[in-house]
Structures are given as structure tokens and as C-alpha cells.
Amino acid sequence: MTPFAVNKQDEGMPFLRVKRSVIMDTLRQIQNIGQPRKTEQIILSFDGKCLHFDLSGMSVAIPAEGQWNCQVRAKAAFIQPLIKVPLPDDPWLIHVENGNLYFGPSFSCPCEVQGEWKSIIQLPLNYDDATLLCLKLKYTHEEIEQSGLRDSVAKAEAACMEHVNEACAALAMYNVKKEDLRALVDKWLRETGLLNTVK
């Protein structure tokens, strides 16, 4: 164990050691298969043997060792620049400090920390804005946030309201109200069966 890792352990801060080649392969897999939205967050969890990466409908795990008694959420946008950064250290030390998630000694990104092993919402890989809007009908704001989907759901809601506003403007002479149209969207979401596609 490196002196740096010992210091993190002494301070009780989350840290893990992982093989660089394994984590890079995993991140490339997430980037290529998942095509994550920039608004989504990846959830990092540790079960005592493996580091888990959960992103919407995708979950992968790699061998790791250390202490990580929490879940960490970070924007999926960090994957692409991390893949491009040559960090020669092996194994890598991943740790959390002062609101940042560090990979090795020089790469970091903002993150949020929550309790360990919280339930994560699973979406189908081909989900769209309508599926994201379903989450508001089935889960609490806290559950959505803890699953790393807060910003994606907010963006989908904003897009929906933009269409609602356009429809209201077109139907102004009939005194159609925004809240009525938005309620109609939720009614349609309930009737289509989309709610059953999220777990």
C-alpha cells in the first residue's frame, strides 16, 4: 500500500485501488455502449471486493480493494477526458476528497456523496425523454437524485414544458391552460405502459 493510501485510510476517507487497464476498459465500455447523456451521473459503489459503476440501465463491476462506505455520484461527462489522460500509475488510487472524485494523482471531477448501497433506478438502454418523465410519476425527487438522474429528468421536463407552451400559444383562442396540457401528458404516460419499463 502506498503512503498516500495509508493517509486516506487513517483519515477515514473513501479510497480504492484498482488496476488501471481494467478500469480503462470498463470506462470505454460504458462510453461506447451506453452513450451516456452529459446530464447523467454515474454511481460508484463498493461491495468489499468490486467497484460497481451504475449508469441508468447499465451496471459493470471491477475488482478493487480499499474502503468505500458510501456511494459517489459524478457526471458521466468525466469519462471521455479521463480516457484521454495518460496516467501511468498502476494500480490507480481512486479517492474522494473535498467534493471531488480523484483518479490517480492528477485527474479529478466534482462529485456528490450519499449513503452506501441505496436503491438505484434502472432504465432501459434505449430510453427517451418520455421515459424520464415517467420517473416523476413513480419515484420521489430524492430517489431520482440518488440514482444520478436529477439533471436528466429536469432537462426532459423543461423540453416537455417548451412543447406545452408552444401548444398553448397555438390554442390560445380556446383558453387552453398549461397545467391541463401537462396533466394530459402524465395521463398519456400512465396509459402507455412506459411506467413498467423502469424499475
N, C-alpha and C. Protein backbone atom coordinates (compact mmCIF):
# COMPACT_ATOMS: atom_id res chain seq x y z
N MET A 1 0.85 -1.19 0.00
CA MET A 1 0.00 0.00 0.00
C MET A 1 0.88 1.24 0.00
N THR A 2 0.55 2.21 -0.82
CA THR A 2 1.36 3.42 -0.89
C THR A 2 1.12 4.28 0.33
N PRO A 3 2.09 5.15 0.70
CA PRO A 3 1.89 6.07 1.83
C PRO A 3 0.65 6.92 1.66
N PHE A 4 0.36 7.33 0.41
CA PHE A 4 -0.81 8.15 0.15
C PHE A 4 -2.07 7.41 0.55
N ALA A 5 -2.15 6.13 0.19
CA ALA A 5 -3.32 5.32 0.51
C ALA A 5 -3.46 5.16 2.02
N VAL A 6 -2.33 5.01 2.73
CA VAL A 6 -2.37 4.87 4.18
C VAL A 6 -2.96 6.12 4.80
N ASN A 7 -2.54 7.29 4.30
CA ASN A 7 -3.07 8.54 4.83
C ASN A 7 -4.58 8.62 4.66
N LYS A 8 -5.08 8.23 3.50
CA LYS A 8 -6.51 8.27 3.26
C LYS A 8 -7.24 7.33 4.22
N GLN A 9 -6.65 6.17 4.47
CA GLN A 9 -7.28 5.21 5.37
C GLN A 9 -7.31 5.77 6.78
N ASP A 10 -6.21 6.40 7.20
CA ASP A 10 -6.15 6.98 8.53
C ASP A 10 -7.21 8.06 8.71
N GLU A 11 -7.48 8.80 7.65
CA GLU A 11 -8.45 9.89 7.73
C GLU A 11 -9.88 9.38 7.58
N GLY A 12 -10.06 8.09 7.28
CA GLY A 12 -11.39 7.54 7.10
C GLY A 12 -12.06 7.98 5.82
N MET A 13 -11.29 8.41 4.83
CA MET A 13 -11.85 8.89 3.57
C MET A 13 -12.00 7.72 2.61
N PRO A 14 -13.03 7.76 1.74
CA PRO A 14 -13.21 6.68 0.77
C PRO A 14 -12.02 6.60 -0.19
N PHE A 15 -11.45 5.42 -0.33
CA PHE A 15 -10.39 5.22 -1.32
C PHE A 15 -10.39 3.76 -1.78
N LEU A 16 -10.02 3.56 -3.02
CA LEU A 16 -9.90 2.22 -3.58
C LEU A 16 -8.69 2.16 -4.48
N ARG A 17 -8.09 0.97 -4.59
CA ARG A 17 -7.01 0.75 -5.55
C ARG A 17 -7.56 -0.19 -6.62
N VAL A 18 -7.38 0.18 -7.88
CA VAL A 18 -7.86 -0.63 -9.00
C VAL A 18 -6.77 -0.70 -10.05
N LYS A 19 -6.78 -1.78 -10.83
CA LYS A 19 -5.82 -1.92 -11.90
C LYS A 19 -6.20 -0.97 -13.04
N ARG A 20 -5.25 -0.17 -13.48
CA ARG A 20 -5.51 0.88 -14.47
C ARG A 20 -6.13 0.31 -15.75
N SER A 21 -5.56 -0.76 -16.28
CA SER A 21 -6.06 -1.31 -17.55
C SER A 21 -7.50 -1.77 -17.43
N VAL A 22 -7.88 -2.32 -16.28
CA VAL A 22 -9.24 -2.82 -16.08
C VAL A 22 -10.23 -1.67 -16.04
N ILE A 23 -9.90 -0.62 -15.30
CA ILE A 23 -10.84 0.50 -15.21
C ILE A 23 -10.96 1.23 -16.53
N MET A 24 -9.86 1.32 -17.29
CA MET A 24 -9.92 1.99 -18.59
C MET A 24 -10.81 1.20 -19.55
N ASP A 25 -10.68 -0.13 -19.54
CA ASP A 25 -11.53 -0.97 -20.39
C ASP A 25 -13.01 -0.79 -20.03
N THR A 26 -13.27 -0.70 -18.72
CA THR A 26 -14.64 -0.54 -18.24
C THR A 26 -15.22 0.80 -18.66
N LEU A 27 -14.44 1.86 -18.52
CA LEU A 27 -14.92 3.18 -18.90
C LEU A 27 -15.16 3.28 -20.41
N ARG A 28 -14.31 2.62 -21.19
CA ARG A 28 -14.53 2.62 -22.65
C ARG A 28 -15.82 1.87 -23.00
N GLN A 29 -16.07 0.79 -22.27
CA GLN A 29 -17.29 0.02 -22.49
C GLN A 29 -18.52 0.89 -22.20
N ILE A 30 -18.49 1.60 -21.09
CA ILE A 30 -19.61 2.48 -20.74
C ILE A 30 -19.78 3.57 -21.80
N GLN A 31 -18.66 4.14 -22.23
CA GLN A 31 -18.70 5.22 -23.21
C GLN A 31 -19.25 4.74 -24.56
N ASN A 32 -18.82 3.56 -24.99
CA ASN A 32 -19.19 3.07 -26.32
C ASN A 32 -20.58 2.46 -26.38
N ILE A 33 -20.95 1.74 -25.32
CA ILE A 33 -22.24 1.05 -25.33
C ILE A 33 -23.35 1.94 -24.80
N GLY A 34 -23.07 2.60 -23.69
CA GLY A 34 -24.13 3.37 -23.03
C GLY A 34 -24.43 4.70 -23.67
N GLN A 35 -23.45 5.34 -24.33
CA GLN A 35 -23.65 6.68 -24.87
C GLN A 35 -24.36 7.57 -23.85
N PRO A 36 -23.76 7.74 -22.65
CA PRO A 36 -24.45 8.48 -21.59
C PRO A 36 -24.68 9.95 -21.96
N ARG A 37 -25.82 10.47 -21.50
CA ARG A 37 -26.09 11.89 -21.66
C ARG A 37 -25.15 12.67 -20.73
N LYS A 38 -24.83 13.89 -21.12
CA LYS A 38 -23.94 14.71 -20.30
C LYS A 38 -24.56 15.04 -18.95
N THR A 39 -25.89 15.00 -18.88
CA THR A 39 -26.56 15.34 -17.62
C THR A 39 -26.59 14.19 -16.63
N GLU A 40 -26.32 12.96 -17.09
CA GLU A 40 -26.43 11.81 -16.21
C GLU A 40 -25.24 11.70 -15.27
N GLN A 41 -25.47 11.01 -14.17
CA GLN A 41 -24.40 10.75 -13.21
C GLN A 41 -24.15 9.25 -13.11
N ILE A 42 -22.90 8.89 -12.99
CA ILE A 42 -22.52 7.51 -12.73
C ILE A 42 -22.48 7.32 -11.22
N ILE A 43 -22.99 6.19 -10.75
CA ILE A 43 -22.96 5.87 -9.32
C ILE A 43 -21.83 4.87 -9.08
N LEU A 44 -20.90 5.21 -8.19
CA LEU A 44 -19.81 4.31 -7.82
C LEU A 44 -20.10 3.73 -6.45
N SER A 45 -20.12 2.39 -6.35
CA SER A 45 -20.37 1.69 -5.09
C SER A 45 -19.31 0.61 -4.93
N PHE A 46 -19.10 0.17 -3.69
CA PHE A 46 -18.11 -0.87 -3.39
C PHE A 46 -18.75 -1.92 -2.51
N ASP A 47 -18.61 -3.21 -2.89
CA ASP A 47 -19.23 -4.29 -2.11
C ASP A 47 -18.23 -5.07 -1.27
N GLY A 48 -17.02 -4.53 -1.14
CA GLY A 48 -15.97 -5.21 -0.38
C GLY A 48 -14.97 -5.92 -1.28
N LYS A 49 -15.38 -6.22 -2.52
CA LYS A 49 -14.50 -6.89 -3.48
C LYS A 49 -14.44 -6.17 -4.82
N CYS A 50 -15.55 -5.57 -5.22
CA CYS A 50 -15.64 -4.95 -6.54
C CYS A 50 -16.15 -3.52 -6.46
N LEU A 51 -15.64 -2.69 -7.36
CA LEU A 51 -16.15 -1.35 -7.55
C LEU A 51 -17.22 -1.42 -8.63
N HIS A 52 -18.43 -0.95 -8.32
CA HIS A 52 -19.55 -1.00 -9.24
C HIS A 52 -19.78 0.37 -9.86
N PHE A 53 -19.98 0.36 -11.19
CA PHE A 53 -20.37 1.56 -11.92
C PHE A 53 -21.79 1.35 -12.41
N ASP A 54 -22.73 2.18 -11.95
CA ASP A 54 -24.12 2.08 -12.39
C ASP A 54 -24.49 3.35 -13.13
N LEU A 55 -25.02 3.17 -14.33
CA LEU A 55 -25.44 4.30 -15.15
C LEU A 55 -26.74 3.93 -15.83
N SER A 56 -27.84 4.45 -15.32
CA SER A 56 -29.17 4.19 -15.88
C SER A 56 -29.41 2.69 -16.00
N GLY A 57 -29.47 2.15 -17.22
CA GLY A 57 -29.76 0.74 -17.40
C GLY A 57 -28.55 -0.15 -17.46
N MET A 58 -27.37 0.39 -17.18
CA MET A 58 -26.14 -0.38 -17.33
C MET A 58 -25.41 -0.48 -16.00
N SER A 59 -24.84 -1.65 -15.72
CA SER A 59 -24.08 -1.84 -14.49
C SER A 59 -22.87 -2.73 -14.78
N VAL A 60 -21.69 -2.27 -14.38
CA VAL A 60 -20.47 -3.06 -14.54
C VAL A 60 -19.70 -3.02 -13.22
N ALA A 61 -18.85 -4.02 -13.02
CA ALA A 61 -18.08 -4.09 -11.78
C ALA A 61 -16.66 -4.55 -12.09
N ILE A 62 -15.70 -4.02 -11.33
CA ILE A 62 -14.30 -4.41 -11.50
C ILE A 62 -13.69 -4.70 -10.14
N PRO A 63 -12.69 -5.59 -10.07
CA PRO A 63 -12.04 -5.88 -8.79
C PRO A 63 -11.39 -4.62 -8.21
N ALA A 64 -11.49 -4.47 -6.89
CA ALA A 64 -10.90 -3.31 -6.22
C ALA A 64 -10.65 -3.68 -4.76
N GLU A 65 -9.78 -2.90 -4.12
CA GLU A 65 -9.57 -3.09 -2.68
C GLU A 65 -9.40 -1.73 -2.02
N GLY A 66 -9.85 -1.66 -0.78
CA GLY A 66 -9.77 -0.41 -0.04
C GLY A 66 -10.98 -0.24 0.84
N GLN A 67 -11.35 0.99 1.14
CA GLN A 67 -12.53 1.26 1.95
C GLN A 67 -13.38 2.31 1.24
N TRP A 68 -14.67 2.04 1.15
CA TRP A 68 -15.56 2.89 0.36
C TRP A 68 -16.96 2.68 0.90
N ASN A 69 -17.26 3.25 2.04
CA ASN A 69 -18.54 3.01 2.71
C ASN A 69 -19.59 4.04 2.32
N CYS A 70 -19.74 4.24 1.01
CA CYS A 70 -20.68 5.24 0.52
C CYS A 70 -20.97 4.96 -0.95
N GLN A 71 -21.84 5.75 -1.53
CA GLN A 71 -21.99 5.81 -2.97
C GLN A 71 -21.56 7.20 -3.41
N VAL A 72 -20.92 7.26 -4.57
CA VAL A 72 -20.45 8.54 -5.10
C VAL A 72 -21.09 8.76 -6.45
N ARG A 73 -21.63 9.95 -6.66
CA ARG A 73 -22.25 10.31 -7.93
C ARG A 73 -21.39 11.36 -8.63
N ALA A 74 -21.10 11.12 -9.91
CA ALA A 74 -20.32 12.07 -10.71
C ALA A 74 -20.89 12.11 -12.12
N LYS A 75 -20.86 13.27 -12.75
CA LYS A 75 -21.37 13.41 -14.11
C LYS A 75 -20.62 12.47 -15.05
N ALA A 76 -21.38 11.76 -15.88
CA ALA A 76 -20.78 10.80 -16.82
C ALA A 76 -19.84 11.49 -17.81
N ALA A 77 -19.93 12.80 -17.90
CA ALA A 77 -19.08 13.55 -18.83
C ALA A 77 -17.59 13.41 -18.50
N PHE A 78 -17.25 12.93 -17.30
CA PHE A 78 -15.83 12.81 -16.94
C PHE A 78 -15.15 11.65 -17.69
N ILE A 79 -15.94 10.72 -18.23
CA ILE A 79 -15.35 9.52 -18.83
C ILE A 79 -14.43 9.85 -19.99
N GLN A 80 -14.92 10.64 -20.94
CA GLN A 80 -14.15 10.92 -22.15
C GLN A 80 -12.80 11.57 -21.86
N PRO A 81 -12.74 12.65 -21.06
CA PRO A 81 -11.43 13.23 -20.78
C PRO A 81 -10.52 12.32 -19.98
N LEU A 82 -11.09 11.50 -19.08
CA LEU A 82 -10.26 10.59 -18.29
C LEU A 82 -9.61 9.55 -19.19
N ILE A 83 -10.36 9.03 -20.17
CA ILE A 83 -9.81 8.04 -21.09
C ILE A 83 -8.62 8.62 -21.86
N LYS A 84 -8.67 9.91 -22.15
CA LYS A 84 -7.62 10.55 -22.95
C LYS A 84 -6.40 10.96 -22.13
N VAL A 85 -6.53 11.00 -20.80
CA VAL A 85 -5.41 11.45 -19.97
C VAL A 85 -4.46 10.29 -19.69
N PRO A 86 -3.19 10.43 -20.04
CA PRO A 86 -2.22 9.35 -19.75
C PRO A 86 -1.79 9.41 -18.28
N LEU A 87 -2.34 8.51 -17.49
CA LEU A 87 -1.96 8.43 -16.08
C LEU A 87 -1.25 7.10 -15.86
N PRO A 88 0.08 7.12 -15.73
CA PRO A 88 0.85 5.88 -15.73
C PRO A 88 0.76 5.06 -14.45
N ASP A 89 0.35 5.66 -13.34
CA ASP A 89 0.35 4.94 -12.07
C ASP A 89 -0.48 3.66 -12.17
N ASP A 90 0.03 2.58 -11.61
CA ASP A 90 -0.71 1.32 -11.59
C ASP A 90 -0.31 0.56 -10.34
N PRO A 91 -1.23 0.20 -9.44
CA PRO A 91 -2.66 0.46 -9.59
C PRO A 91 -3.02 1.93 -9.36
N TRP A 92 -4.19 2.31 -9.87
CA TRP A 92 -4.69 3.65 -9.62
C TRP A 92 -5.28 3.72 -8.22
N LEU A 93 -5.13 4.87 -7.61
CA LEU A 93 -5.83 5.14 -6.36
C LEU A 93 -7.01 6.06 -6.68
N ILE A 94 -8.20 5.58 -6.42
CA ILE A 94 -9.41 6.39 -6.59
C ILE A 94 -9.83 6.83 -5.20
N HIS A 95 -10.03 8.13 -5.01
CA HIS A 95 -10.48 8.58 -3.70
C HIS A 95 -11.37 9.81 -3.81
N VAL A 96 -12.05 10.10 -2.71
CA VAL A 96 -12.95 11.25 -2.63
C VAL A 96 -12.39 12.22 -1.60
N GLU A 97 -12.33 13.49 -2.00
CA GLU A 97 -11.81 14.49 -1.08
C GLU A 97 -12.36 15.86 -1.47
N ASN A 98 -12.92 16.57 -0.47
CA ASN A 98 -13.40 17.94 -0.66
C ASN A 98 -14.36 18.08 -1.85
N GLY A 99 -15.29 17.15 -1.97
CA GLY A 99 -16.29 17.25 -3.03
C GLY A 99 -15.80 16.90 -4.41
N ASN A 100 -14.66 16.21 -4.49
CA ASN A 100 -14.11 15.80 -5.77
C ASN A 100 -13.77 14.32 -5.78
N LEU A 101 -13.94 13.70 -6.93
CA LEU A 101 -13.58 12.30 -7.15
C LEU A 101 -12.27 12.27 -7.92
N TYR A 102 -11.26 11.64 -7.34
CA TYR A 102 -9.92 11.62 -7.93
C TYR A 102 -9.61 10.24 -8.51
N PHE A 103 -9.03 10.25 -9.71
CA PHE A 103 -8.48 9.05 -10.33
C PHE A 103 -6.98 9.28 -10.48
N GLY A 104 -6.19 8.55 -9.68
CA GLY A 104 -4.75 8.80 -9.69
C GLY A 104 -4.44 10.15 -9.08
N PRO A 105 -3.22 10.64 -9.23
CA PRO A 105 -2.80 11.86 -8.54
C PRO A 105 -3.23 13.16 -9.21
N SER A 106 -3.68 13.10 -10.48
CA SER A 106 -3.86 14.37 -11.19
C SER A 106 -5.22 14.60 -11.83
N PHE A 107 -6.08 13.58 -11.92
CA PHE A 107 -7.38 13.77 -12.58
C PHE A 107 -8.48 13.78 -11.53
N SER A 108 -9.36 14.78 -11.60
CA SER A 108 -10.47 14.84 -10.65
C SER A 108 -11.70 15.46 -11.33
N CYS A 109 -12.85 15.21 -10.74
CA CYS A 109 -14.10 15.81 -11.20
C CYS A 109 -15.01 16.00 -9.99
N PRO A 110 -15.92 16.97 -10.06
CA PRO A 110 -16.84 17.18 -8.94
C PRO A 110 -17.71 15.95 -8.71
N CYS A 111 -18.07 15.72 -7.46
CA CYS A 111 -18.92 14.57 -7.15
C CYS A 111 -19.80 14.88 -5.96
N GLU A 112 -20.77 14.00 -5.73
CA GLU A 112 -21.65 14.08 -4.57
C GLU A 112 -21.63 12.73 -3.89
N VAL A 113 -21.65 12.74 -2.56
CA VAL A 113 -21.56 11.51 -1.77
C VAL A 113 -22.88 11.26 -1.08
N GLN A 114 -23.32 9.99 -1.08
CA GLN A 114 -24.54 9.59 -0.38
C GLN A 114 -24.29 8.27 0.33
N GLY A 115 -25.27 7.82 1.13
CA GLY A 115 -25.12 6.59 1.89
C GLY A 115 -24.86 5.39 1.00
N GLU A 116 -24.30 4.34 1.57
CA GLU A 116 -23.91 3.18 0.76
C GLU A 116 -25.11 2.33 0.37
N TRP A 117 -25.02 1.74 -0.83
CA TRP A 117 -25.98 0.77 -1.35
C TRP A 117 -27.42 1.23 -1.30
N LYS A 118 -27.67 2.42 -1.74
CA LYS A 118 -29.04 2.87 -1.91
C LYS A 118 -29.60 2.29 -3.21
N SER A 119 -30.92 2.13 -3.25
CA SER A 119 -31.55 1.58 -4.44
C SER A 119 -31.36 2.52 -5.62
N ILE A 120 -31.05 1.96 -6.78
CA ILE A 120 -30.80 2.75 -7.98
C ILE A 120 -31.86 2.45 -9.03
N ILE A 121 -32.44 3.48 -9.60
CA ILE A 121 -33.44 3.32 -10.64
C ILE A 121 -32.77 2.77 -11.90
N GLN A 122 -33.37 1.75 -12.48
CA GLN A 122 -32.85 1.15 -13.70
C GLN A 122 -33.73 1.53 -14.88
N LEU A 123 -33.11 2.06 -15.92
CA LEU A 123 -33.82 2.44 -17.14
C LEU A 123 -33.44 1.52 -18.28
N PRO A 124 -34.32 1.35 -19.27
CA PRO A 124 -33.92 0.60 -20.47
C PRO A 124 -32.83 1.39 -21.20
N LEU A 125 -31.95 0.71 -21.92
CA LEU A 125 -30.83 1.39 -22.58
C LEU A 125 -31.30 2.36 -23.66
N ASN A 126 -32.45 2.11 -24.25
CA ASN A 126 -32.94 2.97 -25.34
C ASN A 126 -33.98 3.98 -24.86
N TYR A 127 -33.87 4.43 -23.62
CA TYR A 127 -34.88 5.32 -23.07
C TYR A 127 -34.82 6.71 -23.71
N ASP A 128 -35.94 7.44 -23.57
CA ASP A 128 -36.04 8.78 -24.12
C ASP A 128 -36.62 9.72 -23.07
N ASP A 129 -36.95 10.95 -23.48
CA ASP A 129 -37.48 11.93 -22.53
C ASP A 129 -38.79 11.48 -21.90
N ALA A 130 -39.63 10.78 -22.68
CA ALA A 130 -40.90 10.31 -22.13
C ALA A 130 -40.65 9.33 -20.97
N THR A 131 -39.66 8.47 -21.12
CA THR A 131 -39.32 7.53 -20.04
C THR A 131 -38.83 8.29 -18.82
N LEU A 132 -38.03 9.32 -19.03
CA LEU A 132 -37.53 10.12 -17.90
C LEU A 132 -38.68 10.81 -17.18
N LEU A 133 -39.68 11.28 -17.93
CA LEU A 133 -40.84 11.92 -17.29
C LEU A 133 -41.62 10.93 -16.45
N CYS A 134 -41.60 9.66 -16.83
CA CYS A 134 -42.27 8.62 -16.04
C CYS A 134 -41.71 8.52 -14.62
N LEU A 135 -40.42 8.82 -14.49
CA LEU A 135 -39.79 8.70 -13.18
C LEU A 135 -40.46 9.60 -12.15
N LYS A 136 -40.91 10.77 -12.60
CA LYS A 136 -41.56 11.71 -11.68
C LYS A 136 -42.90 11.18 -11.18
N LEU A 137 -43.49 10.24 -11.92
CA LEU A 137 -44.76 9.65 -11.53
C LEU A 137 -44.59 8.45 -10.61
N LYS A 138 -43.37 7.91 -10.57
CA LYS A 138 -43.15 6.65 -9.86
C LYS A 138 -42.20 6.77 -8.67
N TYR A 139 -41.31 7.77 -8.70
CA TYR A 139 -40.28 7.88 -7.67
C TYR A 139 -40.24 9.28 -7.06
N THR A 140 -39.69 9.36 -5.87
CA THR A 140 -39.54 10.66 -5.20
C THR A 140 -38.36 11.42 -5.81
N HIS A 141 -38.32 12.71 -5.54
CA HIS A 141 -37.21 13.54 -6.01
C HIS A 141 -35.88 12.99 -5.47
N GLU A 142 -35.88 12.55 -4.21
CA GLU A 142 -34.66 12.02 -3.59
C GLU A 142 -34.20 10.75 -4.29
N GLU A 143 -35.13 9.85 -4.61
CA GLU A 143 -34.76 8.61 -5.29
C GLU A 143 -34.19 8.89 -6.68
N ILE A 144 -34.78 9.85 -7.38
CA ILE A 144 -34.27 10.23 -8.69
C ILE A 144 -32.86 10.81 -8.57
N GLU A 145 -32.66 11.67 -7.58
CA GLU A 145 -31.35 12.28 -7.38
C GLU A 145 -30.30 11.25 -7.02
N GLN A 146 -30.64 10.33 -6.13
CA GLN A 146 -29.69 9.31 -5.69
C GLN A 146 -29.33 8.34 -6.79
N SER A 147 -30.16 8.26 -7.82
CA SER A 147 -29.89 7.39 -8.96
C SER A 147 -29.11 8.11 -10.05
N GLY A 148 -28.75 9.37 -9.81
CA GLY A 148 -27.94 10.12 -10.76
C GLY A 148 -28.71 10.66 -11.94
N LEU A 149 -30.04 10.76 -11.80
CA LEU A 149 -30.87 11.16 -12.93
C LEU A 149 -31.56 12.51 -12.73
N ARG A 150 -31.20 13.23 -11.70
CA ARG A 150 -31.85 14.51 -11.39
C ARG A 150 -31.81 15.48 -12.57
N ASP A 151 -30.62 15.71 -13.10
CA ASP A 151 -30.46 16.70 -14.17
C ASP A 151 -31.09 16.23 -15.47
N SER A 152 -31.02 14.93 -15.75
CA SER A 152 -31.64 14.40 -16.96
C SER A 152 -33.16 14.55 -16.92
N VAL A 153 -33.76 14.27 -15.76
CA VAL A 153 -35.20 14.41 -15.61
C VAL A 153 -35.60 15.88 -15.72
N ALA A 154 -34.81 16.76 -15.12
CA ALA A 154 -35.10 18.20 -15.19
C ALA A 154 -35.03 18.69 -16.64
N LYS A 155 -34.07 18.19 -17.40
CA LYS A 155 -33.94 18.58 -18.80
C LYS A 155 -35.13 18.07 -19.61
N ALA A 156 -35.57 16.84 -19.34
CA ALA A 156 -36.73 16.29 -20.04
C ALA A 156 -37.99 17.07 -19.71
N GLU A 157 -38.13 17.47 -18.45
CA GLU A 157 -39.29 18.27 -18.03
C GLU A 157 -39.28 19.63 -18.72
N ALA A 158 -38.11 20.25 -18.82
CA ALA A 158 -38.00 21.55 -19.49
C ALA A 158 -38.40 21.44 -20.96
N ALA A 159 -37.96 20.35 -21.62
CA ALA A 159 -38.31 20.14 -23.02
C ALA A 159 -39.81 19.93 -23.18
N CYS A 160 -40.40 19.17 -22.25
CA CYS A 160 -41.84 18.93 -22.29
C CYS A 160 -42.60 20.25 -22.13
N MET A 161 -42.18 21.08 -21.18
CA MET A 161 -42.88 22.35 -20.94
C MET A 161 -42.72 23.30 -22.12
N GLU A 162 -41.63 23.19 -22.83
CA GLU A 162 -41.44 24.02 -24.03
C GLU A 162 -42.51 23.67 -25.07
N HIS A 163 -42.75 22.37 -25.24
CA HIS A 163 -43.80 21.93 -26.17
C HIS A 163 -45.19 22.32 -25.67
N VAL A 164 -45.40 22.22 -24.36
CA VAL A 164 -46.68 22.61 -23.77
C VAL A 164 -46.94 24.10 -24.02
N ASN A 165 -45.92 24.91 -23.83
CA ASN A 165 -46.06 26.36 -24.06
C ASN A 165 -46.39 26.66 -25.52
N GLU A 166 -45.73 25.94 -26.43
CA GLU A 166 -46.00 26.14 -27.85
C GLU A 166 -47.44 25.75 -28.19
N ALA A 167 -47.91 24.64 -27.61
CA ALA A 167 -49.28 24.19 -27.86
C ALA A 167 -50.28 25.19 -27.29
N CYS A 168 -50.00 25.73 -26.11
CA CYS A 168 -50.89 26.71 -25.50
C CYS A 168 -50.99 27.97 -26.36
N ALA A 169 -49.86 28.38 -26.89
CA ALA A 169 -49.86 29.56 -27.75
C ALA A 169 -50.70 29.33 -29.00
N ALA A 170 -50.59 28.12 -29.56
CA ALA A 170 -51.36 27.80 -30.77
C ALA A 170 -52.85 27.68 -30.48
N LEU A 171 -53.19 27.31 -29.25
CA LEU A 171 -54.59 27.11 -28.88
C LEU A 171 -55.12 28.21 -27.97
N ALA A 172 -54.46 29.35 -27.99
CA ALA A 172 -54.81 30.45 -27.08
C ALA A 172 -56.29 30.86 -27.21
N MET A 173 -56.83 30.85 -28.41
CA MET A 173 -58.21 31.29 -28.62
C MET A 173 -59.22 30.35 -27.95
N TYR A 174 -58.77 29.15 -27.58
CA TYR A 174 -59.66 28.19 -26.91
C TYR A 174 -59.45 28.17 -25.40
N ASN A 175 -58.60 29.09 -24.91
CA ASN A 175 -58.35 29.22 -23.47
C ASN A 175 -57.80 27.93 -22.86
N VAL A 176 -56.93 27.23 -23.61
CA VAL A 176 -56.30 26.01 -23.10
C VAL A 176 -55.22 26.39 -22.10
N LYS A 177 -55.19 25.71 -20.97
CA LYS A 177 -54.25 26.04 -19.90
C LYS A 177 -53.06 25.09 -19.89
N LYS A 178 -51.90 25.64 -19.49
CA LYS A 178 -50.67 24.86 -19.44
C LYS A 178 -50.81 23.65 -18.52
N GLU A 179 -51.40 23.88 -17.34
CA GLU A 179 -51.50 22.79 -16.37
C GLU A 179 -52.37 21.65 -16.90
N ASP A 180 -53.37 21.99 -17.71
CA ASP A 180 -54.24 20.95 -18.28
C ASP A 180 -53.47 20.10 -19.30
N LEU A 181 -52.67 20.77 -20.13
CA LEU A 181 -51.88 20.04 -21.13
C LEU A 181 -50.82 19.19 -20.47
N ARG A 182 -50.19 19.73 -19.42
CA ARG A 182 -49.15 18.96 -18.72
C ARG A 182 -49.76 17.73 -18.05
N ALA A 183 -50.96 17.89 -17.49
CA ALA A 183 -51.66 16.76 -16.87
C ALA A 183 -52.03 15.72 -17.93
N LEU A 184 -52.33 16.19 -19.14
CA LEU A 184 -52.65 15.28 -20.24
C LEU A 184 -51.43 14.42 -20.61
N VAL A 185 -50.25 15.03 -20.55
CA VAL A 185 -49.01 14.28 -20.82
C VAL A 185 -48.85 13.17 -19.79
N ASP A 186 -49.05 13.48 -18.51
CA ASP A 186 -48.91 12.47 -17.46
C ASP A 186 -49.95 11.36 -17.64
N LYS A 187 -51.16 11.73 -18.04
CA LYS A 187 -52.21 10.73 -18.27
C LYS A 187 -51.79 9.78 -19.39
N TRP A 188 -51.23 10.34 -20.45
CA TRP A 188 -50.76 9.52 -21.57
C TRP A 188 -49.62 8.60 -21.12
N LEU A 189 -48.71 9.11 -20.30
CA LEU A 189 -47.58 8.30 -19.83
C LEU A 189 -48.07 7.11 -19.01
N ARG A 190 -49.09 7.34 -18.19
CA ARG A 190 -49.64 6.25 -17.38
C ARG A 190 -50.33 5.20 -18.24
N GLU A 191 -50.96 5.63 -19.31
CA GLU A 191 -51.74 4.72 -20.14
C GLU A 191 -50.91 3.93 -21.14
N THR A 192 -49.71 4.42 -21.46
CA THR A 192 -48.90 3.75 -22.47
C THR A 192 -48.14 2.53 -21.95
N GLY A 193 -48.02 2.42 -20.63
CA GLY A 193 -47.26 1.30 -20.07
C GLY A 193 -45.79 1.61 -19.89
N LEU A 194 -45.38 2.85 -20.18
CA LEU A 194 -43.97 3.21 -20.01
C LEU A 194 -43.51 3.07 -18.57
N LEU A 195 -44.44 3.26 -17.63
CA LEU A 195 -44.07 3.15 -16.22
C LEU A 195 -43.49 1.78 -15.89
N ASN A 196 -43.93 0.77 -16.65
CA ASN A 196 -43.46 -0.60 -16.39
C ASN A 196 -42.05 -0.86 -16.92
N THR A 197 -41.51 0.07 -17.70
CA THR A 197 -40.17 -0.12 -18.26
C THR A 197 -39.07 0.34 -17.32
N VAL A 198 -39.44 1.02 -16.24
CA VAL A 198 -38.43 1.48 -15.27
C VAL A 198 -38.62 0.71 -13.97
N LYS A 199 -37.50 0.40 -13.30
CA LYS A 199 -37.56 -0.39 -12.06
C LYS A 199 -36.83 0.35 -10.94
